[in-house]
Amino acid sequence: SVADIQKFKPVVKVNVGGTKFTTSLTTLCRFPNTMIGTMYSGRHELVQDEDGYHFIDRDGTHFRYILNYLRSPETFECELTGAALKELKCECEYYGLKKLMFPYTPLAPFKTRDVANESIVVSQDQHGIYRVNGVPVRRCKHCGLGDFAGNSKIKRGGYYDDEVDYIPHFDLVVEDRGGVVYKTQPSVTYPCRVCRK
């Protein structure tokens, strides 16, 4: 049991989804108020296999980054990008480490082009909301469009036909610059002007 490990064994063997790791109890419990810290606090019974490994039913692909952070949070750096970084952040969320490993900082303003090929600047506020000229970008969850038409350009029941204030594939544009579109980003309220959903 974990209680026995705490008394006698400073080394812990962990099997995360079939990938095996060896670490210390001190490392796993570095942040006691997180899920991983709680798992190895001694308050929960963890079953060991015949080789002494505790099994965690998660993807072990990026668990080494989690261990490296727990071993040395002051110097931790992560070179992952794109889908791999998103996978790691998902695992960090499960273990209760996401806010520690990836504290929120707004993405620096960046230039891109709208559907009419006009240059625009996208900025992100302290709440994680992306804006163009102060107007929150409304995204379509179906096609990824990012609409930044101001309220004065929207008629009841839809958009004026001649307006082109939107960014195709907005989520991809943000991800290509290392950003994330959070669930708090406003959504298109009328049928999307591109996919009509």
N, C-alpha and C. Protein backbone atom coordinates (compact mmCIF):
# COMPACT_ATOMS: atom_id res chain seq x y z
N SER A 1 0.84 -1.19 0.00
CA SER A 1 0.00 0.00 0.00
C SER A 1 0.87 1.24 0.00
N VAL A 2 0.26 2.39 -0.26
CA VAL A 2 1.01 3.65 -0.26
C VAL A 2 1.54 3.94 1.14
N ALA A 3 0.75 3.61 2.15
CA ALA A 3 1.20 3.83 3.53
C ALA A 3 2.49 3.07 3.81
N ASP A 4 2.58 1.84 3.31
CA ASP A 4 3.81 1.05 3.48
C ASP A 4 4.97 1.68 2.74
N ILE A 5 4.70 2.18 1.53
CA ILE A 5 5.76 2.84 0.76
C ILE A 5 6.29 4.04 1.52
N GLN A 6 5.37 4.81 2.10
CA GLN A 6 5.79 6.00 2.83
C GLN A 6 6.72 5.65 3.98
N LYS A 7 6.49 4.49 4.59
CA LYS A 7 7.32 4.09 5.73
C LYS A 7 8.66 3.51 5.30
N PHE A 8 8.65 2.71 4.23
CA PHE A 8 9.83 1.91 3.95
C PHE A 8 10.50 2.14 2.59
N LYS A 9 9.76 2.57 1.57
CA LYS A 9 10.31 2.60 0.22
C LYS A 9 10.25 4.01 -0.38
N PRO A 10 11.40 4.65 -0.54
CA PRO A 10 11.39 5.98 -1.16
C PRO A 10 11.15 5.92 -2.67
N VAL A 11 11.33 4.73 -3.28
CA VAL A 11 11.15 4.57 -4.72
C VAL A 11 9.77 4.01 -5.01
N VAL A 12 9.09 4.61 -6.00
CA VAL A 12 7.75 4.19 -6.40
C VAL A 12 7.78 3.81 -7.88
N LYS A 13 7.16 2.69 -8.19
CA LYS A 13 7.05 2.26 -9.58
C LYS A 13 5.62 2.48 -10.05
N VAL A 14 5.49 3.17 -11.20
CA VAL A 14 4.17 3.55 -11.71
C VAL A 14 4.04 3.06 -13.14
N ASN A 15 2.90 2.44 -13.44
CA ASN A 15 2.57 2.00 -14.79
C ASN A 15 1.42 2.87 -15.28
N VAL A 16 1.73 3.78 -16.20
CA VAL A 16 0.71 4.70 -16.71
C VAL A 16 0.29 4.22 -18.10
N GLY A 17 -0.85 3.56 -18.17
CA GLY A 17 -1.37 3.07 -19.44
C GLY A 17 -0.44 2.15 -20.18
N GLY A 18 0.41 1.41 -19.46
CA GLY A 18 1.33 0.47 -20.09
C GLY A 18 2.76 0.98 -20.19
N THR A 19 2.98 2.26 -19.92
CA THR A 19 4.34 2.83 -19.92
C THR A 19 4.80 2.92 -18.47
N LYS A 20 5.97 2.33 -18.20
CA LYS A 20 6.42 2.21 -16.81
C LYS A 20 7.44 3.28 -16.46
N PHE A 21 7.30 3.79 -15.23
CA PHE A 21 8.16 4.85 -14.71
C PHE A 21 8.59 4.48 -13.30
N THR A 22 9.77 4.97 -12.93
CA THR A 22 10.25 4.83 -11.56
C THR A 22 10.56 6.23 -11.06
N THR A 23 10.05 6.55 -9.89
CA THR A 23 10.24 7.89 -9.33
C THR A 23 10.22 7.78 -7.81
N SER A 24 10.18 8.90 -7.15
CA SER A 24 10.14 8.89 -5.68
C SER A 24 8.78 9.35 -5.18
N LEU A 25 8.46 8.92 -3.97
CA LEU A 25 7.22 9.35 -3.35
C LEU A 25 7.23 10.86 -3.12
N THR A 26 8.40 11.40 -2.81
CA THR A 26 8.54 12.84 -2.60
C THR A 26 8.15 13.60 -3.87
N THR A 27 8.58 13.09 -5.02
CA THR A 27 8.24 13.73 -6.29
C THR A 27 6.73 13.70 -6.52
N LEU A 28 6.12 12.53 -6.35
CA LEU A 28 4.69 12.39 -6.61
C LEU A 28 3.84 13.24 -5.67
N CYS A 29 4.34 13.48 -4.48
CA CYS A 29 3.58 14.24 -3.47
C CYS A 29 4.03 15.69 -3.33
N ARG A 30 4.80 16.17 -4.31
CA ARG A 30 5.32 17.55 -4.22
C ARG A 30 4.20 18.57 -4.03
N PHE A 31 3.10 18.38 -4.73
CA PHE A 31 1.95 19.28 -4.60
C PHE A 31 0.79 18.48 -4.02
N PRO A 32 0.67 18.43 -2.71
CA PRO A 32 -0.28 17.53 -2.05
C PRO A 32 -1.75 17.82 -2.34
N ASN A 33 -2.09 19.02 -2.77
CA ASN A 33 -3.49 19.35 -3.05
C ASN A 33 -3.91 19.07 -4.48
N THR A 34 -3.05 18.41 -5.25
CA THR A 34 -3.38 18.03 -6.61
C THR A 34 -3.86 16.58 -6.63
N MET A 35 -4.42 16.17 -7.74
CA MET A 35 -4.90 14.79 -7.86
C MET A 35 -3.77 13.79 -7.68
N ILE A 36 -2.63 14.04 -8.31
CA ILE A 36 -1.53 13.08 -8.18
C ILE A 36 -0.96 13.09 -6.77
N GLY A 37 -0.92 14.25 -6.14
CA GLY A 37 -0.46 14.32 -4.76
C GLY A 37 -1.39 13.57 -3.82
N THR A 38 -2.69 13.69 -4.07
CA THR A 38 -3.69 12.99 -3.26
C THR A 38 -3.61 11.48 -3.46
N MET A 39 -3.37 11.06 -4.72
CA MET A 39 -3.30 9.63 -5.01
C MET A 39 -2.22 8.94 -4.17
N TYR A 40 -1.11 9.64 -3.96
CA TYR A 40 0.03 9.03 -3.26
C TYR A 40 0.20 9.56 -1.84
N SER A 41 -0.85 10.14 -1.29
CA SER A 41 -0.79 10.71 0.06
C SER A 41 -0.89 9.65 1.15
N GLY A 42 -1.33 8.44 0.79
CA GLY A 42 -1.55 7.40 1.79
C GLY A 42 -3.00 7.28 2.20
N ARG A 43 -3.83 8.22 1.72
CA ARG A 43 -5.25 8.20 2.07
C ARG A 43 -6.05 7.24 1.20
N HIS A 44 -5.46 6.82 0.08
CA HIS A 44 -6.17 5.94 -0.85
C HIS A 44 -5.36 4.67 -1.07
N GLU A 45 -6.06 3.58 -1.20
CA GLU A 45 -5.42 2.30 -1.46
C GLU A 45 -5.13 2.17 -2.96
N LEU A 46 -3.88 1.99 -3.31
CA LEU A 46 -3.50 1.77 -4.70
C LEU A 46 -2.99 0.34 -4.84
N VAL A 47 -3.55 -0.37 -5.79
CA VAL A 47 -3.20 -1.77 -5.99
C VAL A 47 -1.88 -1.87 -6.75
N GLN A 48 -1.02 -2.79 -6.33
CA GLN A 48 0.24 -3.05 -7.01
C GLN A 48 0.13 -4.36 -7.78
N ASP A 49 0.78 -4.42 -8.95
CA ASP A 49 0.84 -5.69 -9.66
C ASP A 49 1.96 -6.54 -9.09
N GLU A 50 2.19 -7.70 -9.69
CA GLU A 50 3.20 -8.63 -9.15
C GLU A 50 4.61 -8.08 -9.21
N ASP A 51 4.85 -7.06 -10.07
CA ASP A 51 6.18 -6.44 -10.15
C ASP A 51 6.30 -5.19 -9.30
N GLY A 52 5.23 -4.87 -8.54
CA GLY A 52 5.28 -3.72 -7.64
C GLY A 52 4.88 -2.40 -8.26
N TYR A 53 4.28 -2.42 -9.45
CA TYR A 53 3.86 -1.19 -10.12
C TYR A 53 2.42 -0.84 -9.74
N HIS A 54 2.19 0.46 -9.51
CA HIS A 54 0.82 0.97 -9.36
C HIS A 54 0.33 1.34 -10.74
N PHE A 55 -0.87 0.87 -11.09
CA PHE A 55 -1.40 1.15 -12.41
C PHE A 55 -2.29 2.38 -12.39
N ILE A 56 -2.03 3.32 -13.33
CA ILE A 56 -2.87 4.49 -13.54
C ILE A 56 -3.43 4.37 -14.95
N ASP A 57 -4.74 4.34 -15.07
CA ASP A 57 -5.39 4.13 -16.37
C ASP A 57 -5.48 5.43 -17.16
N ARG A 58 -4.33 5.93 -17.58
CA ARG A 58 -4.23 7.13 -18.40
C ARG A 58 -3.20 6.88 -19.49
N ASP A 59 -3.15 7.77 -20.48
CA ASP A 59 -2.16 7.67 -21.55
C ASP A 59 -0.80 8.07 -20.98
N GLY A 60 0.16 7.18 -21.11
CA GLY A 60 1.49 7.44 -20.55
C GLY A 60 2.44 8.18 -21.47
N THR A 61 1.98 8.54 -22.67
CA THR A 61 2.85 9.15 -23.67
C THR A 61 3.61 10.36 -23.14
N HIS A 62 2.93 11.24 -22.42
CA HIS A 62 3.55 12.49 -21.97
C HIS A 62 3.78 12.53 -20.46
N PHE A 63 3.64 11.40 -19.78
CA PHE A 63 3.77 11.40 -18.32
C PHE A 63 5.17 11.82 -17.87
N ARG A 64 6.17 11.59 -18.71
CA ARG A 64 7.53 11.99 -18.33
C ARG A 64 7.63 13.50 -18.12
N TYR A 65 6.85 14.27 -18.90
CA TYR A 65 6.85 15.73 -18.72
C TYR A 65 6.26 16.08 -17.34
N ILE A 66 5.24 15.34 -16.95
CA ILE A 66 4.63 15.58 -15.65
C ILE A 66 5.62 15.27 -14.55
N LEU A 67 6.32 14.13 -14.67
CA LEU A 67 7.35 13.80 -13.67
C LEU A 67 8.47 14.82 -13.66
N ASN A 68 8.90 15.26 -14.82
CA ASN A 68 9.98 16.26 -14.87
C ASN A 68 9.56 17.56 -14.21
N TYR A 69 8.30 17.94 -14.39
CA TYR A 69 7.81 19.13 -13.72
C TYR A 69 7.80 18.92 -12.21
N LEU A 70 7.30 17.78 -11.76
CA LEU A 70 7.24 17.49 -10.32
C LEU A 70 8.64 17.44 -9.71
N ARG A 71 9.61 16.97 -10.46
CA ARG A 71 10.99 16.88 -9.96
C ARG A 71 11.63 18.26 -9.82
N SER A 72 11.33 19.13 -10.77
CA SER A 72 11.99 20.44 -10.77
C SER A 72 11.09 21.50 -11.41
N PRO A 73 10.05 21.94 -10.69
CA PRO A 73 9.12 22.90 -11.28
C PRO A 73 9.75 24.25 -11.63
N GLU A 74 10.81 24.62 -10.92
CA GLU A 74 11.44 25.93 -11.14
C GLU A 74 12.11 26.02 -12.51
N THR A 75 12.60 24.89 -13.02
CA THR A 75 13.34 24.92 -14.28
C THR A 75 12.62 24.20 -15.42
N PHE A 76 11.38 23.78 -15.18
CA PHE A 76 10.65 23.00 -16.19
C PHE A 76 10.43 23.80 -17.45
N GLU A 77 10.71 23.18 -18.59
CA GLU A 77 10.42 23.75 -19.91
C GLU A 77 9.80 22.66 -20.76
N CYS A 78 8.88 23.04 -21.62
CA CYS A 78 8.20 22.08 -22.47
C CYS A 78 8.31 22.53 -23.92
N GLU A 79 8.90 21.67 -24.76
CA GLU A 79 9.09 22.02 -26.17
C GLU A 79 7.95 21.54 -27.06
N LEU A 80 6.95 20.89 -26.47
CA LEU A 80 5.82 20.38 -27.26
C LEU A 80 4.99 21.52 -27.85
N THR A 81 4.40 21.26 -29.00
CA THR A 81 3.51 22.23 -29.64
C THR A 81 2.32 21.48 -30.23
N GLY A 82 1.34 22.23 -30.72
CA GLY A 82 0.22 21.66 -31.44
C GLY A 82 -0.55 20.59 -30.69
N ALA A 83 -0.85 19.49 -31.38
CA ALA A 83 -1.66 18.42 -30.81
C ALA A 83 -1.00 17.76 -29.60
N ALA A 84 0.33 17.61 -29.64
CA ALA A 84 1.04 16.99 -28.52
C ALA A 84 0.92 17.85 -27.26
N LEU A 85 1.02 19.16 -27.42
CA LEU A 85 0.88 20.05 -26.27
C LEU A 85 -0.54 20.00 -25.72
N LYS A 86 -1.52 19.93 -26.60
CA LYS A 86 -2.91 19.83 -26.18
C LYS A 86 -3.14 18.54 -25.39
N GLU A 87 -2.54 17.43 -25.84
CA GLU A 87 -2.64 16.15 -25.13
C GLU A 87 -2.03 16.25 -23.74
N LEU A 88 -0.84 16.88 -23.66
CA LEU A 88 -0.18 17.04 -22.37
C LEU A 88 -1.04 17.87 -21.42
N LYS A 89 -1.60 18.95 -21.91
CA LYS A 89 -2.43 19.80 -21.07
C LYS A 89 -3.67 19.05 -20.57
N CYS A 90 -4.19 18.18 -21.40
CA CYS A 90 -5.33 17.35 -20.98
C CYS A 90 -4.93 16.43 -19.83
N GLU A 91 -3.75 15.84 -19.92
CA GLU A 91 -3.27 14.97 -18.85
C GLU A 91 -2.98 15.79 -17.58
N CYS A 92 -2.43 16.97 -17.77
CA CYS A 92 -2.15 17.86 -16.62
C CYS A 92 -3.44 18.22 -15.91
N GLU A 93 -4.50 18.44 -16.68
CA GLU A 93 -5.81 18.74 -16.09
C GLU A 93 -6.26 17.59 -15.21
N TYR A 94 -6.11 16.37 -15.69
CA TYR A 94 -6.52 15.19 -14.92
C TYR A 94 -5.76 15.11 -13.59
N TYR A 95 -4.46 15.33 -13.65
CA TYR A 95 -3.63 15.21 -12.44
C TYR A 95 -3.70 16.45 -11.56
N GLY A 96 -4.45 17.46 -11.96
CA GLY A 96 -4.60 18.68 -11.17
C GLY A 96 -3.40 19.61 -11.24
N LEU A 97 -2.64 19.51 -12.33
CA LEU A 97 -1.40 20.27 -12.45
C LEU A 97 -1.41 21.35 -13.53
N LYS A 98 -2.52 21.45 -14.28
CA LYS A 98 -2.51 22.35 -15.44
C LYS A 98 -2.22 23.79 -15.06
N LYS A 99 -2.87 24.30 -14.03
CA LYS A 99 -2.66 25.71 -13.65
C LYS A 99 -1.25 25.95 -13.12
N LEU A 100 -0.64 24.91 -12.56
CA LEU A 100 0.74 25.05 -12.08
C LEU A 100 1.74 24.98 -13.22
N MET A 101 1.52 24.02 -14.13
CA MET A 101 2.47 23.83 -15.22
C MET A 101 2.31 24.86 -16.34
N PHE A 102 1.07 25.31 -16.55
CA PHE A 102 0.80 26.24 -17.65
C PHE A 102 -0.04 27.41 -17.15
N PRO A 103 0.56 28.28 -16.32
CA PRO A 103 -0.22 29.44 -15.85
C PRO A 103 -0.62 30.31 -17.04
N TYR A 104 -1.82 30.87 -16.95
CA TYR A 104 -2.36 31.62 -18.08
C TYR A 104 -1.64 32.93 -18.31
N THR A 105 -1.22 33.15 -19.52
CA THR A 105 -0.73 34.46 -19.96
C THR A 105 -1.34 34.73 -21.33
N PRO A 106 -1.87 35.93 -21.55
CA PRO A 106 -2.50 36.21 -22.85
C PRO A 106 -1.49 36.07 -23.99
N LEU A 107 -1.98 35.61 -25.11
CA LEU A 107 -1.17 35.52 -26.32
C LEU A 107 -0.88 36.94 -26.79
N ALA A 108 0.33 37.18 -27.23
CA ALA A 108 0.70 38.51 -27.74
C ALA A 108 -0.16 38.83 -28.97
N PRO A 109 -0.54 40.10 -29.15
CA PRO A 109 -1.31 40.46 -30.35
C PRO A 109 -0.59 40.01 -31.62
N PHE A 110 -1.36 39.55 -32.59
CA PHE A 110 -0.75 39.08 -33.83
C PHE A 110 -1.57 39.54 -35.03
N LYS A 111 -0.88 39.64 -36.17
CA LYS A 111 -1.54 40.04 -37.41
C LYS A 111 -1.96 38.79 -38.17
N THR A 112 -3.11 38.88 -38.80
CA THR A 112 -3.58 37.83 -39.69
C THR A 112 -4.42 38.51 -40.77
N ARG A 113 -5.09 37.71 -41.59
CA ARG A 113 -5.91 38.28 -42.65
C ARG A 113 -7.33 37.77 -42.53
N ASP A 114 -8.29 38.66 -42.82
CA ASP A 114 -9.69 38.23 -42.81
C ASP A 114 -10.01 37.60 -44.16
N VAL A 115 -11.26 37.24 -44.36
CA VAL A 115 -11.66 36.54 -45.59
C VAL A 115 -11.47 37.40 -46.84
N ALA A 116 -11.48 38.73 -46.67
CA ALA A 116 -11.27 39.63 -47.80
C ALA A 116 -9.79 39.95 -48.00
N ASN A 117 -8.91 39.23 -47.29
CA ASN A 117 -7.45 39.39 -47.37
C ASN A 117 -6.97 40.72 -46.81
N GLU A 118 -7.78 41.35 -45.95
CA GLU A 118 -7.38 42.59 -45.28
C GLU A 118 -6.57 42.22 -44.03
N SER A 119 -5.52 42.97 -43.76
CA SER A 119 -4.70 42.73 -42.58
C SER A 119 -5.44 43.21 -41.32
N ILE A 120 -5.49 42.37 -40.32
CA ILE A 120 -6.14 42.73 -39.05
C ILE A 120 -5.24 42.29 -37.90
N VAL A 121 -5.47 42.89 -36.73
CA VAL A 121 -4.71 42.51 -35.53
C VAL A 121 -5.67 41.86 -34.54
N VAL A 122 -5.30 40.66 -34.10
CA VAL A 122 -6.08 39.93 -33.11
C VAL A 122 -5.36 40.03 -31.78
N SER A 123 -6.10 40.41 -30.73
CA SER A 123 -5.50 40.49 -29.39
C SER A 123 -6.32 39.62 -28.44
N GLN A 124 -5.73 39.30 -27.30
CA GLN A 124 -6.40 38.49 -26.29
C GLN A 124 -6.39 39.25 -24.98
N ASP A 125 -7.57 39.34 -24.33
CA ASP A 125 -7.64 40.09 -23.08
C ASP A 125 -7.27 39.21 -21.88
N GLN A 126 -7.33 39.78 -20.69
CA GLN A 126 -6.92 39.07 -19.48
C GLN A 126 -7.85 37.92 -19.11
N HIS A 127 -9.01 37.84 -19.76
CA HIS A 127 -9.95 36.75 -19.52
C HIS A 127 -9.84 35.65 -20.57
N GLY A 128 -8.91 35.82 -21.53
CA GLY A 128 -8.70 34.82 -22.56
C GLY A 128 -9.55 35.02 -23.80
N ILE A 129 -10.30 36.13 -23.88
CA ILE A 129 -11.18 36.39 -25.02
C ILE A 129 -10.39 37.08 -26.14
N TYR A 130 -10.48 36.53 -27.34
CA TYR A 130 -9.83 37.15 -28.51
C TYR A 130 -10.73 38.23 -29.08
N ARG A 131 -10.09 39.34 -29.53
CA ARG A 131 -10.82 40.49 -30.05
C ARG A 131 -10.13 41.04 -31.29
N VAL A 132 -10.93 41.69 -32.13
CA VAL A 132 -10.42 42.45 -33.27
C VAL A 132 -11.04 43.84 -33.16
N ASN A 133 -10.22 44.86 -33.06
CA ASN A 133 -10.69 46.24 -32.88
C ASN A 133 -11.65 46.37 -31.70
N GLY A 134 -11.38 45.65 -30.63
CA GLY A 134 -12.20 45.71 -29.43
C GLY A 134 -13.44 44.85 -29.47
N VAL A 135 -13.75 44.27 -30.63
CA VAL A 135 -14.96 43.44 -30.78
C VAL A 135 -14.59 41.98 -30.50
N PRO A 136 -15.28 41.33 -29.56
CA PRO A 136 -14.99 39.91 -29.31
C PRO A 136 -15.24 39.07 -30.56
N VAL A 137 -14.31 38.17 -30.84
CA VAL A 137 -14.47 37.26 -31.97
C VAL A 137 -15.46 36.18 -31.56
N ARG A 138 -16.53 36.04 -32.34
CA ARG A 138 -17.52 34.99 -32.09
C ARG A 138 -17.19 33.82 -33.01
N ARG A 139 -16.99 32.65 -32.41
CA ARG A 139 -16.59 31.50 -33.22
C ARG A 139 -17.75 30.56 -33.49
N CYS A 140 -17.68 29.92 -34.65
CA CYS A 140 -18.65 28.90 -35.00
C CYS A 140 -18.07 27.55 -34.61
N LYS A 141 -18.77 26.82 -33.76
CA LYS A 141 -18.25 25.52 -33.29
C LYS A 141 -18.30 24.46 -34.39
N HIS A 142 -19.00 24.74 -35.47
CA HIS A 142 -19.12 23.76 -36.55
C HIS A 142 -18.00 23.88 -37.58
N CYS A 143 -17.73 25.10 -38.04
CA CYS A 143 -16.74 25.27 -39.12
C CYS A 143 -15.48 26.02 -38.69
N GLY A 144 -15.47 26.57 -37.47
CA GLY A 144 -14.27 27.25 -36.98
C GLY A 144 -14.15 28.70 -37.38
N LEU A 145 -15.15 29.26 -38.06
CA LEU A 145 -15.13 30.67 -38.43
C LEU A 145 -15.01 31.54 -37.18
N GLY A 146 -14.27 32.64 -37.29
CA GLY A 146 -14.20 33.63 -36.22
C GLY A 146 -14.77 34.93 -36.71
N ASP A 147 -15.95 35.30 -36.24
CA ASP A 147 -16.68 36.47 -36.72
C ASP A 147 -16.40 37.66 -35.82
N PHE A 148 -16.03 38.80 -36.39
CA PHE A 148 -15.79 39.99 -35.57
C PHE A 148 -16.60 41.18 -36.06
N ALA A 149 -17.76 40.91 -36.67
CA ALA A 149 -18.67 41.99 -37.09
C ALA A 149 -19.22 42.67 -35.84
N GLY A 150 -19.13 43.98 -35.77
CA GLY A 150 -19.70 44.71 -34.65
C GLY A 150 -21.22 44.62 -34.66
N ASN A 151 -21.84 44.87 -33.53
CA ASN A 151 -23.30 44.78 -33.44
C ASN A 151 -24.01 45.70 -34.43
N SER A 152 -23.39 46.82 -34.77
CA SER A 152 -24.01 47.75 -35.72
C SER A 152 -24.07 47.16 -37.13
N LYS A 153 -23.31 46.10 -37.38
CA LYS A 153 -23.28 45.48 -38.71
C LYS A 153 -24.17 44.25 -38.80
N ILE A 154 -24.90 43.97 -37.73
CA ILE A 154 -25.76 42.78 -37.71
C ILE A 154 -27.21 43.23 -37.71
N LYS A 155 -27.98 42.75 -38.64
CA LYS A 155 -29.40 43.05 -38.66
C LYS A 155 -30.14 41.93 -37.91
N ARG A 156 -31.36 42.19 -37.55
CA ARG A 156 -32.15 41.18 -36.84
C ARG A 156 -32.27 39.92 -37.71
N GLY A 157 -31.92 38.78 -37.12
CA GLY A 157 -32.05 37.50 -37.83
C GLY A 157 -30.86 37.13 -38.67
N GLY A 158 -29.80 37.95 -38.68
CA GLY A 158 -28.62 37.56 -39.45
C GLY A 158 -27.72 38.73 -39.77
N TYR A 159 -26.74 38.51 -40.63
CA TYR A 159 -25.75 39.51 -40.98
C TYR A 159 -26.16 40.23 -42.26
N TYR A 160 -25.67 41.46 -42.41
CA TYR A 160 -25.84 42.13 -43.69
C TYR A 160 -25.02 41.37 -44.72
N ASP A 161 -25.56 41.22 -45.89
CA ASP A 161 -24.95 40.35 -46.90
C ASP A 161 -23.56 40.81 -47.35
N ASP A 162 -23.30 42.11 -47.30
CA ASP A 162 -22.04 42.60 -47.85
C ASP A 162 -20.90 42.65 -46.82
N GLU A 163 -21.15 42.23 -45.61
CA GLU A 163 -20.11 42.29 -44.59
C GLU A 163 -19.21 41.05 -44.66
N VAL A 164 -17.91 41.27 -44.54
CA VAL A 164 -16.96 40.16 -44.62
C VAL A 164 -16.01 40.16 -43.43
N ASP A 165 -16.51 40.60 -42.29
CA ASP A 165 -15.66 40.70 -41.10
C ASP A 165 -15.54 39.36 -40.38
N TYR A 166 -14.82 38.45 -40.98
CA TYR A 166 -14.60 37.17 -40.31
C TYR A 166 -13.28 36.53 -40.75
N ILE A 167 -12.81 35.62 -39.91
CA ILE A 167 -11.56 34.92 -40.14
C ILE A 167 -11.90 33.44 -40.35
N PRO A 168 -11.63 32.90 -41.53
CA PRO A 168 -11.87 31.46 -41.72
C PRO A 168 -10.93 30.64 -40.82
N HIS A 169 -11.40 29.52 -40.31
CA HIS A 169 -10.59 28.60 -39.51
C HIS A 169 -9.88 29.31 -38.35
N PHE A 170 -10.65 30.08 -37.61
CA PHE A 170 -10.09 30.90 -36.52
C PHE A 170 -9.32 30.07 -35.51
N ASP A 171 -9.85 28.93 -35.09
CA ASP A 171 -9.16 28.09 -34.10
C ASP A 171 -7.76 27.71 -34.58
N LEU A 172 -7.64 27.35 -35.86
CA LEU A 172 -6.34 26.95 -36.40
C LEU A 172 -5.37 28.12 -36.45
N VAL A 173 -5.89 29.30 -36.77
CA VAL A 173 -5.05 30.51 -36.81
C VAL A 173 -4.44 30.76 -35.43
N VAL A 174 -5.26 30.62 -34.38
CA VAL A 174 -4.79 30.82 -33.01
C VAL A 174 -3.80 29.73 -32.61
N GLU A 175 -4.14 28.47 -32.90
CA GLU A 175 -3.26 27.35 -32.53
C GLU A 175 -1.91 27.43 -33.22
N ASP A 176 -1.88 27.90 -34.47
CA ASP A 176 -0.61 28.04 -35.20
C ASP A 176 0.33 29.02 -34.52
N ARG A 177 -0.23 29.92 -33.70
CA ARG A 177 0.58 30.90 -32.99
C ARG A 177 0.81 30.50 -31.53
N GLY A 178 0.48 29.25 -31.21
CA GLY A 178 0.71 28.74 -29.86
C GLY A 178 -0.38 29.05 -28.87
N GLY A 179 -1.51 29.58 -29.34
CA GLY A 179 -2.60 29.93 -28.44
C GLY A 179 -3.67 28.85 -28.36
N VAL A 180 -4.64 29.11 -27.51
CA VAL A 180 -5.76 28.20 -27.30
C VAL A 180 -7.04 29.03 -27.31
N VAL A 181 -8.08 28.52 -27.97
CA VAL A 181 -9.38 29.17 -27.91
C VAL A 181 -10.15 28.50 -26.78
N TYR A 182 -10.44 29.27 -25.73
CA TYR A 182 -11.09 28.72 -24.55
C TYR A 182 -12.61 28.66 -24.72
N LYS A 183 -13.24 27.85 -23.87
CA LYS A 183 -14.69 27.69 -23.93
C LYS A 183 -15.43 28.99 -23.64
N THR A 184 -14.75 29.94 -23.01
CA THR A 184 -15.38 31.23 -22.70
C THR A 184 -15.49 32.14 -23.91
N GLN A 185 -14.83 31.78 -25.03
CA GLN A 185 -14.91 32.60 -26.24
C GLN A 185 -16.36 32.61 -26.72
N PRO A 186 -16.94 33.80 -27.00
CA PRO A 186 -18.34 33.84 -27.45
C PRO A 186 -18.56 33.02 -28.72
N SER A 187 -19.78 32.53 -28.87
CA SER A 187 -20.15 31.75 -30.06
C SER A 187 -21.03 32.59 -30.97
N VAL A 188 -21.07 32.19 -32.23
CA VAL A 188 -21.96 32.82 -33.19
C VAL A 188 -23.40 32.59 -32.72
N THR A 189 -24.19 33.67 -32.65
CA THR A 189 -25.57 33.54 -32.16
C THR A 189 -26.58 33.36 -33.28
N TYR A 190 -26.26 33.86 -34.47
CA TYR A 190 -27.13 33.65 -35.62
C TYR A 190 -26.57 32.50 -36.43
N PRO A 191 -27.32 32.00 -37.40
CA PRO A 191 -26.73 30.95 -38.25
C PRO A 191 -25.42 31.46 -38.84
N CYS A 192 -24.42 30.61 -38.80
CA CYS A 192 -23.09 30.99 -39.31
C CYS A 192 -23.21 31.40 -40.78
N ARG A 193 -22.53 32.47 -41.15
CA ARG A 193 -22.62 32.96 -42.54
C ARG A 193 -21.89 32.06 -43.52
N VAL A 194 -21.05 31.14 -43.02
CA VAL A 194 -20.34 30.23 -43.91
C VAL A 194 -21.02 28.86 -44.00
N CYS A 195 -21.19 28.22 -42.85
CA CYS A 195 -21.76 26.86 -42.86
C CYS A 195 -23.28 26.84 -42.64
N ARG A 196 -23.85 28.01 -42.24
CA ARG A 196 -25.29 28.18 -42.04
C ARG A 196 -25.84 27.33 -40.89
N LYS A 197 -24.99 26.84 -40.01
CA LYS A 197 -25.48 26.04 -38.86
C LYS A 197 -25.62 26.93 -37.64
